[in-house]
Amino acid sequence: MQLYYASVGIRYAAPIAFITAAATNYILSIAILFRHKARWNSAWEVVIYAGLVITVGALDLAITAGLYQLDYTAESAKIGATLMGLLFNFAGRRFIVFPEPASGPWKPSR
């Protein structure tokens, strides 16, 4: 919103905000939640992450538009799409971008 209010057009403000958010999210993902280079080297990890971000962004747009066409309000369509995007985004990161091998079968401690 700050870019928009600073007279940066929406055609520039929205993509800049999206890319900034995706980069920040990647940095936080490897700093807090997932193991960096769990399966891929850094370059491939970024490429796969970018592919996931683009896919989830397209999915978000499709779900928002679809729900809006089904007579949901714009706000509820976006909320629904955001919730679905959150699930797909986390699953994609956990199982595709930052997959970790299983730790093996569970054994009780003695």
N, C-alpha and C. Protein backbone atom coordinates (compact mmCIF):
# COMPACT_ATOMS: atom_id res chain seq x y z
N MET A 1 0.81 -1.18 0.00
CA MET A 1 0.00 0.00 0.00
C MET A 1 0.86 1.26 0.00
N GLN A 2 2.01 1.18 0.63
CA GLN A 2 2.86 2.37 0.71
C GLN A 2 3.33 2.82 -0.67
N LEU A 3 3.67 1.87 -1.53
CA LEU A 3 4.08 2.24 -2.88
C LEU A 3 2.93 2.91 -3.63
N TYR A 4 1.76 2.35 -3.49
CA TYR A 4 0.58 2.91 -4.15
C TYR A 4 0.32 4.33 -3.68
N TYR A 5 0.39 4.54 -2.36
CA TYR A 5 0.15 5.88 -1.81
C TYR A 5 1.30 6.84 -2.12
N ALA A 6 2.45 6.31 -2.50
CA ALA A 6 3.57 7.17 -2.89
C ALA A 6 3.52 7.48 -4.39
N SER A 7 2.34 7.29 -4.98
CA SER A 7 2.08 7.59 -6.39
C SER A 7 2.79 6.65 -7.35
N VAL A 8 3.17 5.46 -6.88
CA VAL A 8 3.68 4.43 -7.78
C VAL A 8 2.44 3.72 -8.31
N GLY A 9 2.32 3.61 -9.62
CA GLY A 9 1.13 2.99 -10.22
C GLY A 9 0.95 1.55 -9.76
N ILE A 10 -0.30 1.10 -9.76
CA ILE A 10 -0.63 -0.24 -9.31
C ILE A 10 0.06 -1.32 -10.15
N ARG A 11 0.30 -1.03 -11.42
CA ARG A 11 0.97 -2.01 -12.29
C ARG A 11 2.42 -2.24 -11.87
N TYR A 12 3.00 -1.29 -11.16
CA TYR A 12 4.35 -1.45 -10.65
C TYR A 12 4.34 -1.82 -9.17
N ALA A 13 3.44 -1.21 -8.43
CA ALA A 13 3.41 -1.42 -6.98
C ALA A 13 3.08 -2.87 -6.62
N ALA A 14 2.10 -3.46 -7.30
CA ALA A 14 1.68 -4.83 -6.97
C ALA A 14 2.81 -5.85 -7.23
N PRO A 15 3.44 -5.84 -8.40
CA PRO A 15 4.54 -6.79 -8.61
C PRO A 15 5.74 -6.56 -7.69
N ILE A 16 6.05 -5.30 -7.41
CA ILE A 16 7.17 -5.01 -6.50
C ILE A 16 6.85 -5.56 -5.11
N ALA A 17 5.63 -5.34 -4.65
CA ALA A 17 5.23 -5.86 -3.34
C ALA A 17 5.24 -7.37 -3.33
N PHE A 18 4.76 -8.01 -4.39
CA PHE A 18 4.72 -9.48 -4.48
C PHE A 18 6.14 -10.05 -4.44
N ILE A 19 7.05 -9.49 -5.22
CA ILE A 19 8.43 -9.99 -5.27
C ILE A 19 9.14 -9.75 -3.93
N THR A 20 8.91 -8.59 -3.34
CA THR A 20 9.51 -8.29 -2.04
C THR A 20 9.01 -9.27 -0.98
N ALA A 21 7.71 -9.54 -0.99
CA ALA A 21 7.14 -10.49 -0.03
C ALA A 21 7.68 -11.89 -0.25
N ALA A 22 7.81 -12.32 -1.50
CA ALA A 22 8.32 -13.66 -1.79
C ALA A 22 9.78 -13.79 -1.35
N ALA A 23 10.58 -12.78 -1.58
CA ALA A 23 11.99 -12.82 -1.16
C ALA A 23 12.10 -12.84 0.36
N THR A 24 11.31 -12.01 1.02
CA THR A 24 11.32 -11.99 2.48
C THR A 24 10.87 -13.33 3.04
N ASN A 25 9.84 -13.89 2.44
CA ASN A 25 9.32 -15.18 2.88
C ASN A 25 10.36 -16.28 2.72
N TYR A 26 11.12 -16.27 1.62
CA TYR A 26 12.17 -17.26 1.41
C TYR A 26 13.24 -17.14 2.50
N ILE A 27 13.66 -15.93 2.76
CA ILE A 27 14.69 -15.70 3.77
C ILE A 27 14.21 -16.17 5.14
N LEU A 28 12.99 -15.85 5.49
CA LEU A 28 12.43 -16.30 6.78
C LEU A 28 12.26 -17.82 6.81
N SER A 29 11.90 -18.41 5.67
CA SER A 29 11.74 -19.87 5.61
C SER A 29 13.04 -20.60 5.94
N ILE A 30 14.15 -20.13 5.36
CA ILE A 30 15.42 -20.83 5.61
C ILE A 30 16.03 -20.42 6.94
N ALA A 31 15.63 -19.28 7.47
CA ALA A 31 16.17 -18.84 8.75
C ALA A 31 15.44 -19.45 9.93
N ILE A 32 14.15 -19.72 9.78
CA ILE A 32 13.34 -20.13 10.93
C ILE A 32 12.73 -21.52 10.80
N LEU A 33 12.18 -21.84 9.63
CA LEU A 33 11.30 -22.99 9.55
C LEU A 33 11.88 -24.21 8.85
N PHE A 34 12.57 -24.02 7.75
CA PHE A 34 13.05 -25.15 6.96
C PHE A 34 14.57 -25.17 6.91
N ARG A 35 15.10 -26.34 6.55
CA ARG A 35 16.55 -26.49 6.44
C ARG A 35 16.99 -26.12 5.03
N HIS A 36 17.85 -25.12 4.95
CA HIS A 36 18.42 -24.63 3.68
C HIS A 36 19.23 -25.74 3.04
N LYS A 37 19.07 -25.89 1.73
CA LYS A 37 19.77 -26.91 0.95
C LYS A 37 19.46 -28.32 1.47
N ALA A 38 18.22 -28.57 1.85
CA ALA A 38 17.81 -29.88 2.34
C ALA A 38 17.97 -30.94 1.25
N ARG A 39 17.69 -30.56 0.02
CA ARG A 39 17.81 -31.50 -1.09
C ARG A 39 18.53 -30.91 -2.28
N TRP A 40 18.36 -29.64 -2.50
CA TRP A 40 18.89 -28.96 -3.68
C TRP A 40 20.02 -28.02 -3.28
N ASN A 41 20.90 -27.70 -4.25
CA ASN A 41 21.88 -26.65 -3.98
C ASN A 41 21.15 -25.31 -4.00
N SER A 42 21.82 -24.26 -3.59
CA SER A 42 21.16 -22.96 -3.43
C SER A 42 20.48 -22.47 -4.70
N ALA A 43 21.14 -22.61 -5.85
CA ALA A 43 20.56 -22.11 -7.11
C ALA A 43 19.28 -22.85 -7.46
N TRP A 44 19.31 -24.17 -7.38
CA TRP A 44 18.11 -24.95 -7.69
C TRP A 44 17.01 -24.69 -6.68
N GLU A 45 17.38 -24.51 -5.44
CA GLU A 45 16.39 -24.23 -4.40
C GLU A 45 15.63 -22.94 -4.72
N VAL A 46 16.34 -21.92 -5.15
CA VAL A 46 15.71 -20.65 -5.50
C VAL A 46 14.83 -20.80 -6.74
N VAL A 47 15.30 -21.54 -7.73
CA VAL A 47 14.52 -21.76 -8.95
C VAL A 47 13.23 -22.51 -8.63
N ILE A 48 13.33 -23.57 -7.83
CA ILE A 48 12.16 -24.36 -7.46
C ILE A 48 11.22 -23.52 -6.60
N TYR A 49 11.77 -22.74 -5.70
CA TYR A 49 10.96 -21.84 -4.87
C TYR A 49 10.21 -20.84 -5.74
N ALA A 50 10.91 -20.24 -6.71
CA ALA A 50 10.27 -19.27 -7.61
C ALA A 50 9.14 -19.94 -8.39
N GLY A 51 9.36 -21.16 -8.86
CA GLY A 51 8.30 -21.89 -9.55
C GLY A 51 7.09 -22.12 -8.67
N LEU A 52 7.33 -22.45 -7.41
CA LEU A 52 6.23 -22.64 -6.46
C LEU A 52 5.49 -21.32 -6.23
N VAL A 53 6.22 -20.23 -6.06
CA VAL A 53 5.59 -18.93 -5.83
C VAL A 53 4.72 -18.55 -7.02
N ILE A 54 5.21 -18.75 -8.23
CA ILE A 54 4.44 -18.42 -9.43
C ILE A 54 3.19 -19.30 -9.51
N THR A 55 3.35 -20.59 -9.22
CA THR A 55 2.22 -21.52 -9.26
C THR A 55 1.16 -21.15 -8.24
N VAL A 56 1.58 -20.88 -7.01
CA VAL A 56 0.63 -20.51 -5.96
C VAL A 56 -0.01 -19.16 -6.27
N GLY A 57 0.74 -18.24 -6.85
CA GLY A 57 0.16 -16.95 -7.26
C GLY A 57 -0.91 -17.13 -8.32
N ALA A 58 -0.65 -17.99 -9.31
CA ALA A 58 -1.64 -18.26 -10.35
C ALA A 58 -2.86 -18.97 -9.76
N LEU A 59 -2.62 -19.89 -8.85
CA LEU A 59 -3.72 -20.58 -8.17
C LEU A 59 -4.57 -19.60 -7.37
N ASP A 60 -3.92 -18.68 -6.67
CA ASP A 60 -4.62 -17.65 -5.91
C ASP A 60 -5.53 -16.83 -6.82
N LEU A 61 -4.99 -16.42 -7.95
CA LEU A 61 -5.78 -15.63 -8.90
C LEU A 61 -6.97 -16.43 -9.42
N ALA A 62 -6.74 -17.70 -9.79
CA ALA A 62 -7.80 -18.54 -10.33
C ALA A 62 -8.90 -18.79 -9.30
N ILE A 63 -8.51 -19.08 -8.06
CA ILE A 63 -9.51 -19.33 -7.01
C ILE A 63 -10.28 -18.06 -6.70
N THR A 64 -9.58 -16.94 -6.59
CA THR A 64 -10.26 -15.66 -6.33
C THR A 64 -11.27 -15.37 -7.43
N ALA A 65 -10.85 -15.48 -8.67
CA ALA A 65 -11.76 -15.20 -9.80
C ALA A 65 -12.92 -16.19 -9.82
N GLY A 66 -12.63 -17.46 -9.58
CA GLY A 66 -13.68 -18.48 -9.59
C GLY A 66 -14.72 -18.25 -8.51
N LEU A 67 -14.26 -17.96 -7.31
CA LEU A 67 -15.20 -17.71 -6.21
C LEU A 67 -16.00 -16.43 -6.47
N TYR A 68 -15.36 -15.44 -7.03
CA TYR A 68 -16.07 -14.19 -7.34
C TYR A 68 -17.16 -14.43 -8.38
N GLN A 69 -16.86 -15.29 -9.37
CA GLN A 69 -17.87 -15.62 -10.39
C GLN A 69 -19.02 -16.43 -9.80
N LEU A 70 -18.77 -17.11 -8.68
CA LEU A 70 -19.83 -17.85 -7.99
C LEU A 70 -20.61 -16.96 -7.02
N ASP A 71 -20.47 -15.66 -7.19
CA ASP A 71 -21.19 -14.64 -6.42
C ASP A 71 -20.71 -14.47 -4.97
N TYR A 72 -19.48 -14.88 -4.68
CA TYR A 72 -18.88 -14.52 -3.39
C TYR A 72 -18.51 -13.05 -3.47
N THR A 73 -18.48 -12.37 -2.35
CA THR A 73 -18.00 -10.98 -2.37
C THR A 73 -16.52 -11.01 -2.69
N ALA A 74 -15.99 -9.90 -3.14
CA ALA A 74 -14.56 -9.83 -3.47
C ALA A 74 -13.72 -10.17 -2.24
N GLU A 75 -14.14 -9.68 -1.09
CA GLU A 75 -13.38 -9.92 0.13
C GLU A 75 -13.38 -11.39 0.52
N SER A 76 -14.56 -12.03 0.48
CA SER A 76 -14.62 -13.44 0.87
C SER A 76 -13.94 -14.33 -0.16
N ALA A 77 -14.00 -13.96 -1.44
CA ALA A 77 -13.29 -14.72 -2.48
C ALA A 77 -11.79 -14.67 -2.23
N LYS A 78 -11.29 -13.49 -1.89
CA LYS A 78 -9.85 -13.34 -1.64
C LYS A 78 -9.43 -14.07 -0.37
N ILE A 79 -10.26 -14.02 0.66
CA ILE A 79 -9.94 -14.74 1.91
C ILE A 79 -9.90 -16.24 1.64
N GLY A 80 -10.88 -16.76 0.91
CA GLY A 80 -10.88 -18.18 0.58
C GLY A 80 -9.66 -18.58 -0.23
N ALA A 81 -9.32 -17.77 -1.21
CA ALA A 81 -8.14 -18.06 -2.04
C ALA A 81 -6.86 -17.98 -1.22
N THR A 82 -6.80 -17.03 -0.30
CA THR A 82 -5.62 -16.89 0.54
C THR A 82 -5.44 -18.10 1.44
N LEU A 83 -6.53 -18.60 2.00
CA LEU A 83 -6.44 -19.79 2.86
C LEU A 83 -5.98 -21.02 2.06
N MET A 84 -6.52 -21.18 0.86
CA MET A 84 -6.08 -22.30 0.01
C MET A 84 -4.61 -22.11 -0.39
N GLY A 85 -4.24 -20.88 -0.72
CA GLY A 85 -2.85 -20.60 -1.08
C GLY A 85 -1.90 -20.89 0.06
N LEU A 86 -2.31 -20.58 1.28
CA LEU A 86 -1.48 -20.87 2.45
C LEU A 86 -1.21 -22.36 2.57
N LEU A 87 -2.24 -23.16 2.39
CA LEU A 87 -2.07 -24.62 2.46
C LEU A 87 -1.15 -25.14 1.36
N PHE A 88 -1.41 -24.72 0.11
CA PHE A 88 -0.57 -25.18 -1.00
C PHE A 88 0.86 -24.67 -0.87
N ASN A 89 1.02 -23.45 -0.41
CA ASN A 89 2.34 -22.86 -0.24
C ASN A 89 3.16 -23.65 0.78
N PHE A 90 2.55 -23.92 1.95
CA PHE A 90 3.29 -24.66 2.97
C PHE A 90 3.60 -26.08 2.49
N ALA A 91 2.61 -26.76 1.91
CA ALA A 91 2.84 -28.13 1.43
C ALA A 91 3.93 -28.15 0.35
N GLY A 92 3.92 -27.18 -0.54
CA GLY A 92 4.94 -27.11 -1.59
C GLY A 92 6.33 -26.90 -1.01
N ARG A 93 6.43 -26.05 -0.02
CA ARG A 93 7.74 -25.82 0.61
C ARG A 93 8.20 -27.05 1.36
N ARG A 94 7.29 -27.64 2.12
CA ARG A 94 7.66 -28.78 2.97
C ARG A 94 8.06 -30.00 2.15
N PHE A 95 7.32 -30.28 1.06
CA PHE A 95 7.54 -31.52 0.32
C PHE A 95 8.31 -31.35 -1.00
N ILE A 96 8.40 -30.14 -1.53
CA ILE A 96 9.08 -29.94 -2.81
C ILE A 96 10.34 -29.10 -2.66
N VAL A 97 10.23 -27.92 -2.09
CA VAL A 97 11.38 -27.01 -2.03
C VAL A 97 12.37 -27.43 -0.94
N PHE A 98 11.88 -27.75 0.24
CA PHE A 98 12.74 -28.08 1.37
C PHE A 98 12.45 -29.48 1.91
N PRO A 99 12.44 -30.51 1.06
CA PRO A 99 12.11 -31.84 1.57
C PRO A 99 13.25 -32.40 2.42
N GLU A 100 12.89 -33.09 3.46
CA GLU A 100 13.88 -33.76 4.29
C GLU A 100 13.56 -35.23 4.32
N PRO A 101 14.58 -36.08 4.27
CA PRO A 101 14.30 -37.52 4.30
C PRO A 101 13.66 -37.92 5.63
N ALA A 102 12.86 -38.97 5.55
CA ALA A 102 12.23 -39.48 6.77
C ALA A 102 13.31 -39.94 7.74
N SER A 103 13.03 -39.81 9.02
CA SER A 103 14.03 -40.18 10.03
C SER A 103 14.04 -41.68 10.30
N GLY A 104 13.23 -42.43 9.60
CA GLY A 104 13.19 -43.87 9.80
C GLY A 104 12.03 -44.26 10.69
N PRO A 105 11.86 -45.54 10.88
CA PRO A 105 10.73 -45.98 11.70
C PRO A 105 10.90 -45.55 13.16
N TRP A 106 9.80 -45.30 13.79
CA TRP A 106 9.77 -44.88 15.17
C TRP A 106 10.10 -46.07 16.06
N LYS A 107 10.95 -45.84 17.04
CA LYS A 107 11.29 -46.89 18.00
C LYS A 107 11.14 -46.31 19.39
N PRO A 108 10.49 -47.04 20.27
CA PRO A 108 10.34 -46.52 21.63
C PRO A 108 11.68 -46.49 22.35
N SER A 109 11.85 -45.51 23.21
CA SER A 109 13.08 -45.46 24.01
C SER A 109 12.93 -46.39 25.19
N ARG A 110 14.01 -46.93 25.66
CA ARG A 110 13.97 -47.90 26.78
C ARG A 110 14.67 -47.35 27.97
